[in-house]
Amino acid sequence: MKRKILFTLLFALITWAVTSCEDLIRCKKCRLVSTDLLTGEVTYDPNETEYCGAALAAIQATPPKTMGNVTTEYVCR
């Protein structure tokens, strides 16, 4: 009987340990991308920042902004 309980607890512990926390949190790296509407030139911000959870949702919900002929938006991977 003790062996069955020990086996069950060990199985539960291993199952819990193998589960990836990253899948539960959902993180992505995002950076700003600017596009010149006249020439089509694309400029990438070299700095990528990792966003998770509510911060990621806020970044992904941010609409592109256009100032003059340049549109800037977040691109996440």
Protein backbone atom coordinates (compact mmCIF):
# COMPACT_ATOMS: atom_id res chain seq x y z
CA MET A 1 0.00 0.00 0.00
CA LYS A 2 2.81 2.41 0.88
CA ARG A 3 4.46 1.62 -2.43
CA LYS A 4 1.33 2.58 -4.41
CA ILE A 5 1.00 5.87 -2.55
CA LEU A 6 4.69 6.63 -3.04
CA PHE A 7 4.43 5.80 -6.76
CA THR A 8 1.36 8.04 -7.15
CA LEU A 9 3.04 10.95 -5.36
CA LEU A 10 6.23 10.51 -7.38
CA PHE A 11 4.24 10.43 -10.63
CA ALA A 12 2.36 13.59 -9.66
CA LEU A 13 5.61 15.36 -8.74
CA ILE A 14 7.30 14.42 -12.01
CA THR A 15 4.24 15.49 -14.02
CA TRP A 16 4.20 18.85 -12.24
CA ALA A 17 7.97 19.36 -12.70
CA VAL A 18 7.89 18.63 -16.43
CA THR A 19 5.15 21.20 -17.11
CA SER A 20 6.73 24.28 -18.65
CA CYS A 21 6.00 27.55 -16.85
CA GLU A 22 6.74 29.50 -20.02
CA ASP A 23 3.70 28.00 -21.73
CA LEU A 24 1.52 29.20 -18.86
CA ILE A 25 2.88 32.74 -18.88
CA ARG A 26 3.29 33.25 -22.65
CA CYS A 27 6.23 35.57 -23.15
CA LYS A 28 7.38 37.16 -26.41
CA LYS A 29 10.16 39.50 -27.46
CA CYS A 30 8.97 42.72 -29.08
CA ARG A 31 10.62 45.67 -30.78
CA LEU A 32 9.54 48.84 -32.54
CA VAL A 33 9.46 48.86 -36.34
CA SER A 34 9.14 52.10 -38.29
CA THR A 35 8.07 52.19 -41.94
CA ASP A 36 8.37 55.23 -44.21
CA LEU A 37 5.14 55.33 -46.21
CA LEU A 38 6.69 57.20 -49.15
CA THR A 39 9.85 55.17 -49.73
CA GLY A 40 8.88 51.89 -48.04
CA GLU A 41 12.09 52.00 -45.99
CA VAL A 42 11.82 49.89 -42.84
CA THR A 43 13.82 50.77 -39.71
CA TYR A 44 14.13 48.25 -36.88
CA ASP A 45 14.89 49.15 -33.28
CA PRO A 46 17.84 46.89 -32.37
CA ASN A 47 16.65 46.57 -28.76
CA GLU A 48 14.20 43.73 -28.16
CA THR A 49 12.33 43.61 -24.87
CA GLU A 50 10.62 40.54 -23.44
CA TYR A 51 7.01 41.06 -22.39
CA CYS A 52 4.84 38.56 -20.49
CA GLY A 53 1.25 38.33 -19.33
CA ALA A 54 -0.68 41.60 -19.09
CA ALA A 55 2.26 43.67 -20.37
CA LEU A 56 2.40 41.53 -23.53
CA ALA A 57 -1.36 41.89 -24.03
CA ALA A 58 -1.03 45.68 -23.72
CA ILE A 59 1.83 45.83 -26.25
CA GLN A 60 -0.03 43.63 -28.74
CA ALA A 61 -3.17 45.77 -28.36
CA THR A 62 -1.23 48.96 -29.15
CA PRO A 63 -2.30 50.17 -32.60
CA PRO A 64 0.29 51.43 -35.13
CA LYS A 65 0.96 55.17 -34.85
CA THR A 66 1.53 57.38 -37.89
CA MET A 67 3.33 60.70 -37.62
CA GLY A 68 3.81 62.40 -40.96
CA ASN A 69 4.93 59.72 -43.40
CA VAL A 70 6.30 57.27 -40.81
CA THR A 71 4.26 54.49 -39.19
CA THR A 72 5.62 52.92 -36.02
CA GLU A 73 4.34 49.67 -34.51
CA TYR A 74 5.40 46.86 -32.18
CA VAL A 75 6.36 43.57 -33.79
CA CYS A 76 6.56 40.54 -31.50
CA ARG A 77 8.06 37.12 -32.09
